[in-house]
PDB file of N, CA and C in Angstrom:
ATOM      1  N   MET A   1       1.828  28.961 176.089  1.00  0.00           N
ATOM      2  CA  MET A   1       2.801  27.877 176.586  1.00  0.00           C
ATOM      3  C   MET A   1       2.000  26.449 176.621  1.00  0.00           C
ATOM      4  N   GLY A   2       2.607  25.461 176.281  1.00  0.00           N
ATOM      5  CA  GLY A   2       2.244  24.155 176.341  1.00  0.00           C
ATOM      6  C   GLY A   2       2.211  23.593 177.736  1.00  0.00           C
ATOM      7  N   ILE A   3       1.794  22.312 177.864  1.00  0.00           N
ATOM      8  CA  ILE A   3       1.714  21.651 179.195  1.00  0.00           C
ATOM      9  C   ILE A   3       3.013  21.455 179.637  1.00  0.00           C
ATOM     10  N   ILE A   4       4.058  21.159 178.721  1.00  0.00           N
ATOM     11  CA  ILE A   4       5.278  20.786 179.104  1.00  0.00           C
ATOM     12  C   ILE A   4       6.009  22.173 179.675  1.00  0.00           C
ATOM     13  N   GLY A   5       5.808  23.339 179.143  1.00  0.00           N
ATOM     14  CA  GLY A   5       6.247  24.553 179.660  1.00  0.00           C
ATOM     15  C   GLY A   5       5.758  24.961 180.969  1.00  0.00           C
ATOM     16  N   TRP A   6       4.337  24.592 181.193  1.00  0.00           N
ATOM     17  CA  TRP A   6       3.835  24.969 182.503  1.00  0.00           C
ATOM     18  C   TRP A   6       4.614  24.052 183.627  1.00  0.00           C
ATOM     19  N   ILE A   7       4.669  22.844 183.179  1.00  0.00           N
ATOM     20  CA  ILE A   7       5.335  21.971 184.233  1.00  0.00           C
ATOM     21  C   ILE A   7       6.779  22.417 184.480  1.00  0.00           C
ATOM     22  N   VAL A   8       7.651  22.777 183.458  1.00  0.00           N
ATOM     23  CA  VAL A   8       8.848  23.253 183.723  1.00  0.00           C
ATOM     24  C   VAL A   8       8.924  24.603 184.513  1.00  0.00           C
ATOM     25  N   VAL A   9       8.014  25.486 184.237  1.00  0.00           N
ATOM     26  CA  VAL A   9       8.001  26.783 184.908  1.00  0.00           C
ATOM     27  C   VAL A   9       7.403  26.365 186.349  1.00  0.00           C
ATOM     28  N   GLY A  10       6.553  25.553 186.599  1.00  0.00           N
ATOM     29  CA  GLY A  10       6.058  25.117 187.785  1.00  0.00           C
ATOM     30  C   GLY A  10       7.101  24.504 188.677  1.00  0.00           C
ATOM     31  N   LEU A  11       7.870  23.672 188.175  1.00  0.00           N
ATOM     32  CA  LEU A  11       9.119  22.934 188.906  1.00  0.00           C
ATOM     33  C   LEU A  11       9.982  23.981 189.457  1.00  0.00           C
ATOM     34  N   VAL A  12      10.400  24.786 188.447  1.00  0.00           N
ATOM     35  CA  VAL A  12      11.483  25.924 188.756  1.00  0.00           C
ATOM     36  C   VAL A  12      10.909  26.750 189.837  1.00  0.00           C
ATOM     37  N   VAL A  13       9.720  27.579 189.621  1.00  0.00           N
ATOM     38  CA  VAL A  13       9.292  28.548 190.426  1.00  0.00           C
ATOM     39  C   VAL A  13       8.836  27.832 191.830  1.00  0.00           C
ATOM     40  N   GLY A  14       8.420  26.579 191.761  1.00  0.00           N
ATOM     41  CA  GLY A  14       8.010  25.856 193.012  1.00  0.00           C
ATOM     42  C   GLY A  14       9.185  25.739 193.866  1.00  0.00           C
ATOM     43  N   ALA A  15      10.416  25.291 193.288  1.00  0.00           N
ATOM     44  CA  ALA A  15      11.743  25.008 194.034  1.00  0.00           C
ATOM     45  C   ALA A  15      12.203  26.330 194.498  1.00  0.00           C
ATOM     46  N   LEU A  16      12.116  27.287 193.592  1.00  0.00           N
ATOM     47  CA  LEU A  16      12.627  28.629 193.986  1.00  0.00           C
ATOM     48  C   LEU A  16      11.826  29.246 195.189  1.00  0.00           C
ATOM     49  N   ALA A  17      10.500  29.059 195.283  1.00  0.00           N
ATOM     50  CA  ALA A  17       9.716  29.432 196.420  1.00  0.00           C
ATOM     51  C   ALA A  17      10.128  28.666 197.679  1.00  0.00           C
ATOM     52  N   LYS A  18      10.325  27.396 197.569  1.00  0.00           N
ATOM     53  CA  LYS A  18      10.790  26.622 198.686  1.00  0.00           C
ATOM     54  C   LYS A  18      12.322  27.115 199.227  1.00  0.00           C
ATOM     55  N   LEU A  19      13.057  27.525 198.410  1.00  0.00           N
ATOM     56  CA  LEU A  19      14.421  28.132 198.670  1.00  0.00           C
ATOM     57  C   LEU A  19      14.299  29.391 199.325  1.00  0.00           C
ATOM     58  N   ILE A  20      13.446  30.138 198.871  1.00  0.00           N
ATOM     59  CA  ILE A  20      13.193  31.669 199.458  1.00  0.00           C
ATOM     60  C   ILE A  20      12.521  31.456 200.847  1.00  0.00           C
ATOM     61  N   MET A  21      11.669  30.488 200.897  1.00  0.00           N
ATOM     62  CA  MET A  21      10.886  30.394 202.267  1.00  0.00           C
ATOM     63  C   MET A  21      11.441  29.127 202.876  1.00  0.00           C
ATOM     64  N   PRO A  22      12.532  29.214 203.528  1.00  0.00           N
ATOM     65  CA  PRO A  22      13.083  27.963 204.042  1.00  0.00           C
ATOM     66  C   PRO A  22      12.231  27.505 205.209  1.00  0.00           C
ATOM     67  N   GLY A  23      12.262  26.132 205.380  1.00  0.00           N
ATOM     68  CA  GLY A  23      11.576  25.462 206.489  1.00  0.00           C
ATOM     69  C   GLY A  23      10.972  24.044 206.134  1.00  0.00           C
ATOM     70  N   LYS A  24      10.480  23.408 207.052  1.00  0.00           N
ATOM     71  CA  LYS A  24      10.017  22.101 206.768  1.00  0.00           C
ATOM     72  C   LYS A  24       8.648  22.156 206.103  1.00  0.00           C
ATOM     73  N   ASP A  25       8.591  21.586 204.855  1.00  0.00           N
ATOM     74  CA  ASP A  25       7.460  21.536 204.010  1.00  0.00           C
ATOM     75  C   ASP A  25       6.894  20.083 203.925  1.00  0.00           C
ATOM     76  N   PRO A  26       5.455  19.904 203.881  1.00  0.00           N
ATOM     77  CA  PRO A  26       4.947  18.592 203.711  1.00  0.00           C
ATOM     78  C   PRO A  26       5.096  18.428 202.146  1.00  0.00           C
ATOM     79  N   GLY A  27       5.330  17.170 201.739  1.00  0.00           N
ATOM     80  CA  GLY A  27       5.160  16.942 200.302  1.00  0.00           C
ATOM     81  C   GLY A  27       6.605  16.772 199.540  1.00  0.00           C
ATOM     82  N   GLY A  28       6.471  16.346 198.510  1.00  0.00           N
ATOM     83  CA  GLY A  28       7.811  15.959 197.649  1.00  0.00           C
ATOM     84  C   GLY A  28       7.698  16.724 196.357  1.00  0.00           C
ATOM     85  N   ILE A  29       8.437  16.261 195.376  1.00  0.00           N
ATOM     86  CA  ILE A  29       8.523  16.926 194.201  1.00  0.00           C
ATOM     87  C   ILE A  29       7.344  17.183 193.472  1.00  0.00           C
ATOM     88  N   ILE A  30       6.324  16.266 193.578  1.00  0.00           N
ATOM     89  CA  ILE A  30       4.968  16.456 192.968  1.00  0.00           C
ATOM     90  C   ILE A  30       4.282  17.537 193.587  1.00  0.00           C
ATOM     91  N   VAL A  31       4.249  17.670 194.780  1.00  0.00           N
ATOM     92  CA  VAL A  31       3.707  18.833 195.578  1.00  0.00           C
ATOM     93  C   VAL A  31       4.371  20.215 195.047  1.00  0.00           C
ATOM     94  N   THR A  32       5.727  20.126 194.876  1.00  0.00           N
ATOM     95  CA  THR A  32       6.553  21.339 194.347  1.00  0.00           C
ATOM     96  C   THR A  32       5.966  21.729 193.072  1.00  0.00           C
ATOM     97  N   ILE A  33       5.943  20.628 192.136  1.00  0.00           N
ATOM     98  CA  ILE A  33       5.480  21.007 190.841  1.00  0.00           C
ATOM     99  C   ILE A  33       3.942  21.669 190.854  1.00  0.00           C
ATOM    100  N   LEU A  34       3.098  20.956 191.530  1.00  0.00           N
ATOM    101  CA  LEU A  34       1.774  21.497 191.652  1.00  0.00           C
ATOM    102  C   LEU A  34       1.665  22.850 192.269  1.00  0.00           C
ATOM    103  N   ILE A  35       2.436  23.194 193.397  1.00  0.00           N
ATOM    104  CA  ILE A  35       2.412  24.392 193.908  1.00  0.00           C
ATOM    105  C   ILE A  35       2.935  25.501 192.975  1.00  0.00           C
ATOM    106  N   GLY A  36       3.924  25.114 192.120  1.00  0.00           N
ATOM    107  CA  GLY A  36       4.593  26.025 191.228  1.00  0.00           C
ATOM    108  C   GLY A  36       3.469  26.236 189.972  1.00  0.00           C
ATOM    109  N   ILE A  37       2.867  25.210 189.458  1.00  0.00           N
ATOM    110  CA  ILE A  37       2.010  25.446 188.371  1.00  0.00           C
ATOM    111  C   ILE A  37       0.850  26.336 188.769  1.00  0.00           C
ATOM    112  N   VAL A  38       0.082  25.799 189.939  1.00  0.00           N
ATOM    113  CA  VAL A  38      -0.989  26.728 190.376  1.00  0.00           C
ATOM    114  C   VAL A  38      -0.540  28.160 190.904  1.00  0.00           C
ATOM    115  N   GLY A  39       0.737  28.215 191.496  1.00  0.00           N
ATOM    116  CA  GLY A  39       1.199  29.497 191.792  1.00  0.00           C
ATOM    117  C   GLY A  39       1.508  30.389 190.572  1.00  0.00           C
ATOM    118  N   ALA A  40       1.846  29.862 189.515  1.00  0.00           N
ATOM    119  CA  ALA A  40       2.037  30.583 188.257  1.00  0.00           C
ATOM    120  C   ALA A  40       0.782  31.035 187.686  1.00  0.00           C
ATOM    121  N   ILE A  41      -0.346  30.261 187.813  1.00  0.00           N
ATOM    122  CA  ILE A  41      -1.691  30.690 187.436  1.00  0.00           C
ATOM    123  C   ILE A  41      -2.070  31.813 188.206  1.00  0.00           C
ATOM    124  N   LEU A  42      -1.926  31.593 189.587  1.00  0.00           N
ATOM    125  CA  LEU A  42      -2.526  32.546 190.531  1.00  0.00           C
ATOM    126  C   LEU A  42      -1.519  33.905 190.247  1.00  0.00           C
ATOM    127  N   GLY A  43      -0.408  33.979 190.021  1.00  0.00           N
ATOM    128  CA  GLY A  43       0.540  35.005 189.738  1.00  0.00           C
ATOM    129  C   GLY A  43      -0.003  35.730 188.522  1.00  0.00           C
ATOM    130  N   GLY A  44      -0.462  34.893 187.483  1.00  0.00           N
ATOM    131  CA  GLY A  44      -1.009  35.462 186.327  1.00  0.00           C
ATOM    132  C   GLY A  44      -2.272  36.318 186.508  1.00  0.00           C
ATOM    133  N   PHE A  45      -3.150  35.701 187.313  1.00  0.00           N
ATOM    134  CA  PHE A  45      -4.390  36.373 187.757  1.00  0.00           C
ATOM    135  C   PHE A  45      -3.995  37.773 188.461  1.00  0.00           C
ATOM    136  N   ILE A  46      -3.140  37.603 189.390  1.00  0.00           N
ATOM    137  CA  ILE A  46      -2.699  38.739 190.277  1.00  0.00           C
ATOM    138  C   ILE A  46      -2.218  40.020 189.250  1.00  0.00           C
ATOM    139  N   GLY A  47      -1.240  39.341 188.326  1.00  0.00           N
ATOM    140  CA  GLY A  47      -0.722  40.369 187.442  1.00  0.00           C
ATOM    141  C   GLY A  47      -1.562  41.119 186.415  1.00  0.00           C
ATOM    142  N   LYS A  48      -2.713  40.293 186.045  1.00  0.00           N
ATOM    143  CA  LYS A  48      -3.712  40.657 185.118  1.00  0.00           C
ATOM    144  C   LYS A  48      -4.515  41.738 185.946  1.00  0.00           C
ATOM    145  N   ALA A  49      -4.969  41.414 187.118  1.00  0.00           N
ATOM    146  CA  ALA A  49      -5.733  42.364 187.967  1.00  0.00           C
ATOM    147  C   ALA A  49      -5.033  43.652 188.384  1.00  0.00           C
ATOM    148  N   ILE A  50      -3.658  43.579 188.762  1.00  0.00           N
ATOM    149  CA  ILE A  50      -2.961  44.812 189.284  1.00  0.00           C
ATOM    150  C   ILE A  50      -2.435  45.494 187.984  1.00  0.00           C
ATOM    151  N   PHE A  51      -1.752  44.977 187.135  1.00  0.00           N
ATOM    152  CA  PHE A  51      -1.006  45.565 186.046  1.00  0.00           C
ATOM    153  C   PHE A  51      -1.633  45.559 184.642  1.00  0.00           C
ATOM    154  N   GLY A  52      -2.802  44.886 184.654  1.00  0.00           N
ATOM    155  CA  GLY A  52      -3.410  44.836 183.365  1.00  0.00           C
ATOM    156  C   GLY A  52      -2.940  43.898 182.474  1.00  0.00           C
ATOM    157  N   GLY A  53      -1.850  43.139 182.658  1.00  0.00           N
ATOM    158  CA  GLY A  53      -1.339  42.240 181.913  1.00  0.00           C
ATOM    159  C   GLY A  53      -0.984  40.983 182.762  1.00  0.00           C
ATOM    160  N   GLY A  54      -1.037  39.788 181.983  1.00  0.00           N
ATOM    161  CA  GLY A  54      -0.945  38.483 182.571  1.00  0.00           C
ATOM    162  C   GLY A  54       0.450  37.918 182.311  1.00  0.00           C
ATOM    163  N   LEU A  55       0.452  36.694 182.144  1.00  0.00           N
ATOM    164  CA  LEU A  55       1.653  35.983 181.913  1.00  0.00           C
ATOM    165  C   LEU A  55       1.984  36.083 180.276  1.00  0.00           C
ATOM    166  N   GLY A  56       3.192  36.141 180.075  1.00  0.00           N
ATOM    167  CA  GLY A  56       3.839  36.286 178.789  1.00  0.00           C
ATOM    168  C   GLY A  56       4.264  34.854 178.247  1.00  0.00           C
ATOM    169  N   GLY A  57       5.204  34.922 177.359  1.00  0.00           N
ATOM    170  CA  GLY A  57       5.666  33.531 176.781  1.00  0.00           C
ATOM    171  C   GLY A  57       6.656  32.919 177.836  1.00  0.00           C
ATOM    172  N   PHE A  58       7.090  31.763 177.559  1.00  0.00           N
ATOM    173  CA  PHE A  58       7.981  31.037 178.340  1.00  0.00           C
ATOM    174  C   PHE A  58       9.313  31.793 178.694  1.00  0.00           C
ATOM    175  N   PHE A  59       9.868  32.511 177.764  1.00  0.00           N
ATOM    176  CA  PHE A  59      11.033  33.278 178.088  1.00  0.00           C
ATOM    177  C   PHE A  59      10.903  34.568 178.589  1.00  0.00           C
ATOM    178  N   ASP A  60       9.715  34.963 178.879  1.00  0.00           N
ATOM    179  CA  ASP A  60       9.449  36.363 179.314  1.00  0.00           C
ATOM    180  C   ASP A  60       9.624  36.410 180.993  1.00  0.00           C
ATOM    181  N   LEU A  61      10.347  37.478 181.216  1.00  0.00           N
ATOM    182  CA  LEU A  61      10.664  37.531 182.630  1.00  0.00           C
ATOM    183  C   LEU A  61       9.463  37.722 183.563  1.00  0.00           C
ATOM    184  N   ARG A  62       8.520  38.529 183.038  1.00  0.00           N
ATOM    185  CA  ARG A  62       7.305  38.586 183.660  1.00  0.00           C
ATOM    186  C   ARG A  62       6.562  37.286 184.032  1.00  0.00           C
ATOM    187  N   THR A  63       6.587  36.364 183.250  1.00  0.00           N
ATOM    188  CA  THR A  63       6.094  35.007 183.417  1.00  0.00           C
ATOM    189  C   THR A  63       6.680  34.497 184.623  1.00  0.00           C
ATOM    190  N   TRP A  64       8.016  34.440 184.847  1.00  0.00           N
ATOM    191  CA  TRP A  64       8.772  33.851 185.853  1.00  0.00           C
ATOM    192  C   TRP A  64       8.513  34.593 187.244  1.00  0.00           C
ATOM    193  N   LEU A  65       8.403  35.835 187.106  1.00  0.00           N
ATOM    194  CA  LEU A  65       8.296  36.765 188.436  1.00  0.00           C
ATOM    195  C   LEU A  65       6.915  36.554 188.878  1.00  0.00           C
ATOM    196  N   LEU A  66       5.893  36.673 188.108  1.00  0.00           N
ATOM    197  CA  LEU A  66       4.578  36.566 188.552  1.00  0.00           C
ATOM    198  C   LEU A  66       4.528  34.958 189.064  1.00  0.00           C
ATOM    199  N   GLY A  67       4.996  34.053 188.382  1.00  0.00           N
ATOM    200  CA  GLY A  67       4.865  32.638 188.827  1.00  0.00           C
ATOM    201  C   GLY A  67       5.450  32.511 190.170  1.00  0.00           C
ATOM    202  N   LEU A  68       6.614  33.145 190.414  1.00  0.00           N
ATOM    203  CA  LEU A  68       7.307  33.124 191.663  1.00  0.00           C
ATOM    204  C   LEU A  68       6.529  33.660 192.809  1.00  0.00           C
ATOM    205  N   VAL A  69       5.954  34.876 192.501  1.00  0.00           N
ATOM    206  CA  VAL A  69       5.130  35.538 193.488  1.00  0.00           C
ATOM    207  C   VAL A  69       4.007  34.738 193.762  1.00  0.00           C
ATOM    208  N   GLY A  70       3.267  34.234 192.870  1.00  0.00           N
ATOM    209  CA  GLY A  70       2.158  33.280 193.130  1.00  0.00           C
ATOM    210  C   GLY A  70       2.414  32.044 193.856  1.00  0.00           C
ATOM    211  N   SER A  71       3.476  31.448 193.515  1.00  0.00           N
ATOM    212  CA  SER A  71       4.004  30.225 194.256  1.00  0.00           C
ATOM    213  C   SER A  71       4.376  30.624 195.677  1.00  0.00           C
ATOM    214  N   LEU A  72       4.978  31.673 195.919  1.00  0.00           N
ATOM    215  CA  LEU A  72       5.250  32.030 197.271  1.00  0.00           C
ATOM    216  C   LEU A  72       3.965  32.308 198.136  1.00  0.00           C
ATOM    217  N   ILE A  73       2.990  32.912 197.520  1.00  0.00           N
ATOM    218  CA  ILE A  73       1.714  33.071 198.223  1.00  0.00           C
ATOM    219  C   ILE A  73       1.062  31.740 198.513  1.00  0.00           C
ATOM    220  N   LEU A  74       1.074  30.802 197.595  1.00  0.00           N
ATOM    221  CA  LEU A  74       0.454  29.532 197.618  1.00  0.00           C
ATOM    222  C   LEU A  74       1.186  28.676 198.440  1.00  0.00           C
ATOM    223  N   LEU A  75       2.583  28.743 198.646  1.00  0.00           N
ATOM    224  CA  LEU A  75       3.386  27.965 199.548  1.00  0.00           C
ATOM    225  C   LEU A  75       3.008  28.392 201.025  1.00  0.00           C
ATOM    226  N   GLY A  76       2.967  29.727 201.262  1.00  0.00           N
ATOM    227  CA  GLY A  76       2.443  30.331 202.524  1.00  0.00           C
ATOM    228  C   GLY A  76       1.248  29.719 202.985  1.00  0.00           C
ATOM    229  N   ILE A  77       0.200  29.660 202.053  1.00  0.00           N
ATOM    230  CA  ILE A  77      -1.194  29.153 202.404  1.00  0.00           C
ATOM    231  C   ILE A  77      -1.047  27.705 202.771  1.00  0.00           C
ATOM    232  N   TRP A  78      -0.237  26.830 201.867  1.00  0.00           N
ATOM    233  CA  TRP A  78      -0.199  25.562 202.027  1.00  0.00           C
ATOM    234  C   TRP A  78       0.546  25.139 203.492  1.00  0.00           C
ATOM    235  N   ARG A  79       1.506  26.003 203.781  1.00  0.00           N
ATOM    236  CA  ARG A  79       2.059  25.800 205.162  1.00  0.00           C
ATOM    237  C   ARG A  79       1.039  26.043 206.231  1.00  0.00           C
ATOM    238  N   LEU A  80       0.284  26.976 206.100  1.00  0.00           N
ATOM    239  CA  LEU A  80      -0.650  27.309 207.310  1.00  0.00           C
ATOM    240  C   LEU A  80      -1.705  26.075 207.321  1.00  0.00           C
ATOM    241  N   ILE A  81      -2.158  25.592 206.091  1.00  0.00           N
ATOM    242  CA  ILE A  81      -3.150  24.634 206.175  1.00  0.00           C
ATOM    243  C   ILE A  81      -2.488  23.262 206.620  1.00  0.00           C
ATOM    244  N   ALA A  82      -1.390  22.888 206.052  1.00  0.00           N
ATOM    245  CA  ALA A  82      -0.773  21.491 206.457  1.00  0.00           C
ATOM    246  C   ALA A  82      -0.193  21.707 207.851  1.00  0.00           C
ATOM    247  N   GLY A  83       0.315  22.650 208.323  1.00  0.00           N
ATOM    248  CA  GLY A  83       0.736  22.862 209.731  1.00  0.00           C
ATOM    249  C   GLY A  83      -0.387  22.775 210.572  1.00  0.00           C
ATOM    250  N   ARG A  84      -1.429  23.229 210.432  1.00  0.00           N
ATOM    251  CA  ARG A  84      -2.590  22.955 211.383  1.00  0.00           C
ATOM    252  C   ARG A  84      -2.952  21.606 211.427  1.00  0.00           C
ATOM    253  N   ARG A  85      -2.993  20.927 210.116  1.00  0.00           N
ATOM    254  CA  ARG A  85      -3.466  19.470 210.335  1.00  0.00           C
ATOM    255  C   ARG A  85      -2.250  18.553 210.926  1.00  0.00           C
ATOM    256  N   ALA A  86      -1.047  19.016 210.902  1.00  0.00           N
ATOM    257  CA  ALA A  86      -0.104  18.156 211.470  1.00  0.00           C
ATOM    258  C   ALA A  86      -0.081  18.333 212.963  1.00  0.00           C
ATOM    259  N   ARG A  87      -0.517  19.484 213.650  1.00  0.00           N
ATOM    260  CA  ARG A  87      -0.646  19.854 215.057  1.00  0.00           C
ATOM    261  C   ARG A  87      -1.850  19.071 215.552  1.00  0.00           C
ATOM    262  N   ALA A  88      -2.915  19.014 214.710  1.00  0.00           N
ATOM    263  CA  ALA A  88      -4.190  18.346 215.266  1.00  0.00           C
ATOM    264  C   ALA A  88      -4.126  16.946 215.672  1.00  0.00           C
TER     265      ALA A  88
END
């Protein structure tokens, strides 16, 4: 996938992760894209380690599901880190 594909996947799975995990999140659309992109990469590493296969092509369902799982993990970590800074 090219850089535009990663940005599109990142935006979509980042937004879906925020919909699945409701609550107040620090950051705007840029943070959502970054969480989605890094989450998709994280999901690819997790998929490769557990299932022996990583991300597929842009239209592969595995790419989107692993990206969503990675984004959910990353969003949870982000909330823990940013939440502690806000309380301090």
